[in-house]
Amino acid sequence: MPKVMIIDDDELFRGMLLQMMEREGIDAVGTFNGKEGLQIIDSYQPDLIITDIVMPDKEGLETIIELRQHYKHIPIIAVSGGGKVHPDVYLSTAKQFGANYAFSKPLNRTEFLSAVIKCLGKRA
């Protein structure tokens, strides 16, 4: 069973993504920020990481940089609802830093799941 780590400080959004993964037959775990995600990555061994960009402690861009330094093989999907700037600014930077896909919140479910399946297919 594929494994996905979801890193997002928004509890409702993280919960929605966890349910979406469960309905697709994907094992998923959620963490509050990049710091928590990086602490459990070795024990969980995800096949895909979905990360928000604007979060406390260790935000998404910093998390993506660290993931690309140490876990080059794991695909990353970045999501953002924005913050001080429009989400597209964060998402284009996330792609420059190594995210495979980037999506604005709210998500288009069909497009998002297509990207998840493509990322997991690369790991199969």
N, C-alpha and C. Protein backbone atom coordinates (compact mmCIF):
# COMPACT_ATOMS: atom_id res chain seq x y z
N MET A 1 0.85 -1.19 0.00
CA MET A 1 0.00 0.00 0.00
C MET A 1 0.89 1.25 0.00
N PRO A 2 0.64 2.17 -0.92
CA PRO A 2 1.44 3.40 -0.94
C PRO A 2 1.24 4.21 0.34
N LYS A 3 2.28 4.98 0.69
CA LYS A 3 2.25 5.78 1.91
C LYS A 3 2.51 7.25 1.59
N VAL A 4 1.64 8.11 2.13
CA VAL A 4 1.73 9.55 1.88
C VAL A 4 1.81 10.28 3.21
N MET A 5 2.75 11.23 3.29
CA MET A 5 2.83 12.11 4.45
C MET A 5 2.24 13.45 4.06
N ILE A 6 1.31 13.95 4.89
CA ILE A 6 0.67 15.24 4.65
C ILE A 6 1.13 16.20 5.73
N ILE A 7 1.77 17.28 5.32
CA ILE A 7 2.28 18.29 6.25
C ILE A 7 1.48 19.56 6.05
N ASP A 8 0.63 19.88 7.03
CA ASP A 8 -0.21 21.08 6.92
C ASP A 8 -0.69 21.48 8.31
N ASP A 9 -0.55 22.75 8.65
CA ASP A 9 -0.96 23.22 9.97
C ASP A 9 -2.47 23.42 10.08
N ASP A 10 -3.19 23.44 8.98
CA ASP A 10 -4.64 23.59 8.99
C ASP A 10 -5.27 22.21 9.24
N GLU A 11 -5.77 22.02 10.45
CA GLU A 11 -6.28 20.72 10.86
C GLU A 11 -7.42 20.22 9.97
N LEU A 12 -8.31 21.10 9.57
CA LEU A 12 -9.44 20.70 8.73
C LEU A 12 -8.97 20.28 7.34
N PHE A 13 -8.06 21.05 6.76
CA PHE A 13 -7.55 20.72 5.43
C PHE A 13 -6.74 19.42 5.47
N ARG A 14 -5.89 19.29 6.49
CA ARG A 14 -5.11 18.06 6.66
C ARG A 14 -6.03 16.85 6.81
N GLY A 15 -7.08 17.00 7.60
CA GLY A 15 -8.05 15.92 7.79
C GLY A 15 -8.76 15.55 6.50
N MET A 16 -9.10 16.57 5.70
CA MET A 16 -9.75 16.32 4.41
C MET A 16 -8.82 15.53 3.49
N LEU A 17 -7.54 15.90 3.46
CA LEU A 17 -6.58 15.17 2.63
C LEU A 17 -6.38 13.75 3.13
N LEU A 18 -6.33 13.56 4.45
CA LEU A 18 -6.19 12.22 5.01
C LEU A 18 -7.37 11.34 4.60
N GLN A 19 -8.58 11.88 4.66
CA GLN A 19 -9.77 11.13 4.24
C GLN A 19 -9.72 10.83 2.75
N MET A 20 -9.28 11.79 1.95
CA MET A 20 -9.19 11.60 0.50
C MET A 20 -8.23 10.44 0.19
N MET A 21 -7.09 10.42 0.87
CA MET A 21 -6.11 9.35 0.65
C MET A 21 -6.69 8.00 1.07
N GLU A 22 -7.36 7.96 2.20
CA GLU A 22 -7.97 6.73 2.71
C GLU A 22 -8.97 6.18 1.70
N ARG A 23 -9.81 7.06 1.13
CA ARG A 23 -10.79 6.62 0.14
C ARG A 23 -10.14 6.05 -1.11
N GLU A 24 -8.91 6.48 -1.39
CA GLU A 24 -8.18 5.99 -2.57
C GLU A 24 -7.33 4.75 -2.24
N GLY A 25 -7.43 4.26 -1.01
CA GLY A 25 -6.65 3.09 -0.62
C GLY A 25 -5.19 3.39 -0.36
N ILE A 26 -4.92 4.61 0.06
CA ILE A 26 -3.56 5.05 0.34
C ILE A 26 -3.40 5.26 1.83
N ASP A 27 -2.35 4.69 2.41
CA ASP A 27 -2.04 4.91 3.81
C ASP A 27 -1.47 6.31 3.94
N ALA A 28 -1.96 7.09 4.90
CA ALA A 28 -1.48 8.46 5.04
C ALA A 28 -1.34 8.83 6.51
N VAL A 29 -0.37 9.70 6.77
CA VAL A 29 -0.15 10.24 8.10
C VAL A 29 -0.05 11.75 7.95
N GLY A 30 -0.52 12.47 8.97
CA GLY A 30 -0.49 13.93 8.92
C GLY A 30 0.38 14.50 10.02
N THR A 31 1.07 15.60 9.70
CA THR A 31 1.85 16.33 10.68
C THR A 31 1.52 17.81 10.57
N PHE A 32 1.81 18.55 11.64
CA PHE A 32 1.44 19.96 11.78
C PHE A 32 2.36 20.90 11.02
N ASN A 33 3.64 20.54 10.88
CA ASN A 33 4.60 21.41 10.19
C ASN A 33 5.78 20.59 9.70
N GLY A 34 6.68 21.23 8.98
CA GLY A 34 7.84 20.54 8.42
C GLY A 34 8.74 19.92 9.46
N LYS A 35 8.87 20.57 10.59
CA LYS A 35 9.71 20.04 11.67
C LYS A 35 9.20 18.67 12.11
N GLU A 36 7.89 18.56 12.35
CA GLU A 36 7.30 17.28 12.75
C GLU A 36 7.44 16.25 11.63
N GLY A 37 7.20 16.66 10.40
CA GLY A 37 7.30 15.74 9.26
C GLY A 37 8.70 15.17 9.13
N LEU A 38 9.69 16.02 9.23
CA LEU A 38 11.07 15.56 9.10
C LEU A 38 11.49 14.65 10.26
N GLN A 39 10.84 14.81 11.41
CA GLN A 39 11.16 13.96 12.56
C GLN A 39 10.68 12.52 12.37
N ILE A 40 9.62 12.32 11.59
CA ILE A 40 9.08 10.96 11.45
C ILE A 40 9.32 10.34 10.07
N ILE A 41 9.96 11.08 9.18
CA ILE A 41 10.10 10.60 7.80
C ILE A 41 10.85 9.26 7.72
N ASP A 42 11.89 9.08 8.51
CA ASP A 42 12.66 7.84 8.42
C ASP A 42 11.88 6.65 8.95
N SER A 43 11.08 6.85 9.98
CA SER A 43 10.30 5.73 10.52
C SER A 43 9.07 5.43 9.66
N TYR A 44 8.48 6.45 9.04
CA TYR A 44 7.27 6.25 8.22
C TYR A 44 7.60 5.84 6.79
N GLN A 45 8.68 6.34 6.24
CA GLN A 45 9.13 6.06 4.88
C GLN A 45 8.03 6.29 3.82
N PRO A 46 7.60 7.54 3.67
CA PRO A 46 6.53 7.84 2.70
C PRO A 46 6.99 7.69 1.25
N ASP A 47 6.03 7.38 0.40
CA ASP A 47 6.27 7.32 -1.04
C ASP A 47 6.01 8.67 -1.70
N LEU A 48 5.33 9.57 -0.96
CA LEU A 48 4.98 10.90 -1.45
C LEU A 48 4.80 11.81 -0.26
N ILE A 49 5.21 13.07 -0.42
CA ILE A 49 4.98 14.07 0.62
C ILE A 49 4.16 15.21 0.02
N ILE A 50 3.09 15.56 0.72
CA ILE A 50 2.26 16.70 0.35
C ILE A 50 2.48 17.74 1.44
N THR A 51 2.95 18.92 1.07
CA THR A 51 3.24 19.94 2.08
C THR A 51 2.60 21.28 1.76
N ASP A 52 2.06 21.87 2.81
CA ASP A 52 1.61 23.25 2.73
C ASP A 52 2.85 24.13 2.68
N ILE A 53 2.69 25.38 2.33
CA ILE A 53 3.83 26.29 2.28
C ILE A 53 3.89 27.18 3.52
N VAL A 54 2.81 27.84 3.87
CA VAL A 54 2.82 28.77 4.99
C VAL A 54 2.41 28.02 6.26
N MET A 55 3.40 27.79 7.13
CA MET A 55 3.18 27.06 8.39
C MET A 55 4.12 27.62 9.46
N PRO A 56 3.80 27.38 10.73
CA PRO A 56 4.71 27.82 11.80
C PRO A 56 5.92 26.88 11.92
N ASP A 57 6.91 27.31 12.66
CA ASP A 57 8.14 26.56 12.97
C ASP A 57 8.98 26.29 11.73
N LYS A 58 8.64 25.31 10.92
CA LYS A 58 9.39 25.03 9.69
C LYS A 58 8.38 25.05 8.56
N GLU A 59 8.41 26.12 7.77
CA GLU A 59 7.43 26.28 6.71
C GLU A 59 7.78 25.40 5.51
N GLY A 60 6.89 25.40 4.53
CA GLY A 60 6.99 24.47 3.42
C GLY A 60 8.19 24.64 2.51
N LEU A 61 8.57 25.87 2.19
CA LEU A 61 9.72 26.05 1.29
C LEU A 61 10.99 25.53 1.95
N GLU A 62 11.16 25.84 3.21
CA GLU A 62 12.31 25.33 3.97
C GLU A 62 12.28 23.80 4.03
N THR A 63 11.10 23.25 4.21
CA THR A 63 10.94 21.79 4.26
C THR A 63 11.30 21.17 2.91
N ILE A 64 10.85 21.76 1.82
CA ILE A 64 11.16 21.24 0.48
C ILE A 64 12.67 21.25 0.25
N ILE A 65 13.33 22.33 0.62
CA ILE A 65 14.78 22.42 0.45
C ILE A 65 15.46 21.28 1.21
N GLU A 66 15.07 21.07 2.44
CA GLU A 66 15.68 20.01 3.25
C GLU A 66 15.37 18.62 2.69
N LEU A 67 14.14 18.42 2.24
CA LEU A 67 13.78 17.14 1.64
C LEU A 67 14.62 16.87 0.40
N ARG A 68 14.82 17.87 -0.44
CA ARG A 68 15.60 17.67 -1.65
C ARG A 68 17.08 17.40 -1.35
N GLN A 69 17.56 17.90 -0.23
CA GLN A 69 18.95 17.63 0.16
C GLN A 69 19.14 16.19 0.63
N HIS A 70 18.14 15.65 1.33
CA HIS A 70 18.31 14.35 1.98
C HIS A 70 17.43 13.23 1.42
N TYR A 71 16.36 13.58 0.72
CA TYR A 71 15.40 12.58 0.22
C TYR A 71 15.02 12.92 -1.21
N LYS A 72 16.00 12.95 -2.08
CA LYS A 72 15.79 13.35 -3.48
C LYS A 72 14.78 12.47 -4.21
N HIS A 73 14.65 11.23 -3.78
CA HIS A 73 13.82 10.24 -4.47
C HIS A 73 12.32 10.37 -4.16
N ILE A 74 11.96 11.12 -3.11
CA ILE A 74 10.55 11.20 -2.72
C ILE A 74 9.87 12.36 -3.45
N PRO A 75 8.81 12.07 -4.22
CA PRO A 75 8.08 13.15 -4.89
C PRO A 75 7.40 14.07 -3.86
N ILE A 76 7.25 15.33 -4.23
CA ILE A 76 6.64 16.33 -3.35
C ILE A 76 5.55 17.07 -4.12
N ILE A 77 4.40 17.22 -3.46
CA ILE A 77 3.34 18.08 -3.96
C ILE A 77 3.19 19.23 -2.97
N ALA A 78 3.31 20.47 -3.45
CA ALA A 78 3.15 21.65 -2.61
C ALA A 78 1.74 22.20 -2.78
N VAL A 79 1.16 22.67 -1.68
CA VAL A 79 -0.16 23.31 -1.71
C VAL A 79 -0.07 24.61 -0.92
N SER A 80 -0.85 25.59 -1.33
CA SER A 80 -0.85 26.86 -0.60
C SER A 80 -2.15 27.61 -0.81
N GLY A 81 -2.60 28.21 0.26
CA GLY A 81 -3.74 29.12 0.19
C GLY A 81 -3.28 30.56 0.21
N GLY A 82 -1.97 30.75 0.21
CA GLY A 82 -1.41 32.10 0.25
C GLY A 82 -1.05 32.49 1.67
N GLY A 83 -0.69 33.70 1.82
CA GLY A 83 -0.26 34.26 3.09
C GLY A 83 -0.15 35.74 2.88
N LYS A 84 1.05 36.25 3.02
CA LYS A 84 1.28 37.67 2.78
C LYS A 84 1.28 38.01 1.30
N VAL A 85 1.50 36.99 0.46
CA VAL A 85 1.46 37.19 -0.99
C VAL A 85 0.52 36.16 -1.60
N HIS A 86 0.23 36.30 -2.87
CA HIS A 86 -0.65 35.39 -3.58
C HIS A 86 -0.05 33.98 -3.58
N PRO A 87 -0.87 32.92 -3.48
CA PRO A 87 -0.32 31.56 -3.44
C PRO A 87 0.54 31.19 -4.64
N ASP A 88 0.27 31.79 -5.80
CA ASP A 88 1.07 31.46 -6.99
C ASP A 88 2.55 31.80 -6.80
N VAL A 89 2.84 32.84 -6.03
CA VAL A 89 4.23 33.21 -5.77
C VAL A 89 4.92 32.10 -4.98
N TYR A 90 4.26 31.64 -3.93
CA TYR A 90 4.82 30.54 -3.12
C TYR A 90 4.96 29.27 -3.95
N LEU A 91 3.95 28.98 -4.74
CA LEU A 91 3.93 27.71 -5.47
C LEU A 91 4.97 27.68 -6.59
N SER A 92 5.19 28.79 -7.26
CA SER A 92 6.24 28.79 -8.29
C SER A 92 7.61 28.64 -7.64
N THR A 93 7.81 29.23 -6.47
CA THR A 93 9.06 29.05 -5.74
C THR A 93 9.21 27.61 -5.29
N ALA A 94 8.13 27.00 -4.85
CA ALA A 94 8.17 25.59 -4.42
C ALA A 94 8.62 24.70 -5.57
N LYS A 95 8.13 24.96 -6.76
CA LYS A 95 8.54 24.16 -7.93
C LYS A 95 10.02 24.40 -8.25
N GLN A 96 10.48 25.63 -8.12
CA GLN A 96 11.90 25.92 -8.34
C GLN A 96 12.77 25.17 -7.33
N PHE A 97 12.27 24.99 -6.12
CA PHE A 97 13.03 24.30 -5.06
C PHE A 97 12.92 22.78 -5.15
N GLY A 98 12.06 22.27 -6.05
CA GLY A 98 12.02 20.83 -6.25
C GLY A 98 10.69 20.14 -6.09
N ALA A 99 9.61 20.87 -5.84
CA ALA A 99 8.30 20.23 -5.78
C ALA A 99 7.92 19.72 -7.18
N ASN A 100 7.36 18.53 -7.24
CA ASN A 100 6.96 17.95 -8.52
C ASN A 100 5.69 18.61 -9.07
N TYR A 101 4.78 18.94 -8.16
CA TYR A 101 3.52 19.60 -8.52
C TYR A 101 3.22 20.67 -7.48
N ALA A 102 2.41 21.64 -7.86
CA ALA A 102 2.01 22.71 -6.95
C ALA A 102 0.56 23.08 -7.22
N PHE A 103 -0.23 23.19 -6.14
CA PHE A 103 -1.66 23.47 -6.25
C PHE A 103 -2.07 24.56 -5.27
N SER A 104 -2.96 25.45 -5.74
CA SER A 104 -3.58 26.45 -4.87
C SER A 104 -4.76 25.83 -4.15
N LYS A 105 -4.98 26.29 -2.92
CA LYS A 105 -6.18 25.92 -2.18
C LYS A 105 -7.26 26.92 -2.58
N PRO A 106 -8.50 26.51 -2.70
CA PRO A 106 -9.00 25.13 -2.59
C PRO A 106 -8.58 24.31 -3.81
N LEU A 107 -8.44 23.03 -3.59
CA LEU A 107 -7.94 22.12 -4.61
C LEU A 107 -9.02 21.72 -5.61
N ASN A 108 -8.58 21.48 -6.83
CA ASN A 108 -9.42 20.79 -7.79
C ASN A 108 -9.16 19.31 -7.54
N ARG A 109 -10.12 18.61 -6.98
CA ARG A 109 -9.92 17.22 -6.52
C ARG A 109 -9.40 16.30 -7.63
N THR A 110 -9.98 16.41 -8.81
CA THR A 110 -9.59 15.54 -9.92
C THR A 110 -8.14 15.76 -10.32
N GLU A 111 -7.75 17.02 -10.50
CA GLU A 111 -6.37 17.34 -10.88
C GLU A 111 -5.39 16.94 -9.78
N PHE A 112 -5.79 17.18 -8.54
CA PHE A 112 -4.91 16.86 -7.41
C PHE A 112 -4.69 15.35 -7.31
N LEU A 113 -5.77 14.57 -7.37
CA LEU A 113 -5.64 13.11 -7.29
C LEU A 113 -4.85 12.55 -8.47
N SER A 114 -4.98 13.16 -9.63
CA SER A 114 -4.20 12.74 -10.79
C SER A 114 -2.71 12.92 -10.51
N ALA A 115 -2.33 14.05 -9.90
CA ALA A 115 -0.93 14.28 -9.55
C ALA A 115 -0.45 13.29 -8.50
N VAL A 116 -1.29 13.00 -7.50
CA VAL A 116 -0.93 12.02 -6.47
C VAL A 116 -0.65 10.67 -7.12
N ILE A 117 -1.54 10.24 -7.99
CA ILE A 117 -1.39 8.92 -8.65
C ILE A 117 -0.13 8.90 -9.52
N LYS A 118 0.14 9.99 -10.24
CA LYS A 118 1.35 10.06 -11.05
C LYS A 118 2.60 9.96 -10.18
N CYS A 119 2.61 10.66 -9.06
CA CYS A 119 3.76 10.63 -8.15
C CYS A 119 3.94 9.24 -7.57
N LEU A 120 2.87 8.61 -7.18
CA LEU A 120 2.96 7.27 -6.60
C LEU A 120 3.34 6.24 -7.65
N GLY A 121 2.93 6.47 -8.89
CA GLY A 121 3.29 5.58 -9.97
C GLY A 121 4.78 5.56 -10.23
N LYS A 122 5.42 6.72 -10.05
CA LYS A 122 6.88 6.83 -10.21
C LYS A 122 7.60 6.02 -9.15
N ARG A 123 6.95 5.83 -7.98
CA ARG A 123 7.57 5.13 -6.86
C ARG A 123 7.26 3.63 -6.87
N ALA A 124 6.30 3.23 -7.70
CA ALA A 124 5.88 1.82 -7.71
C ALA A 124 6.92 0.94 -8.40
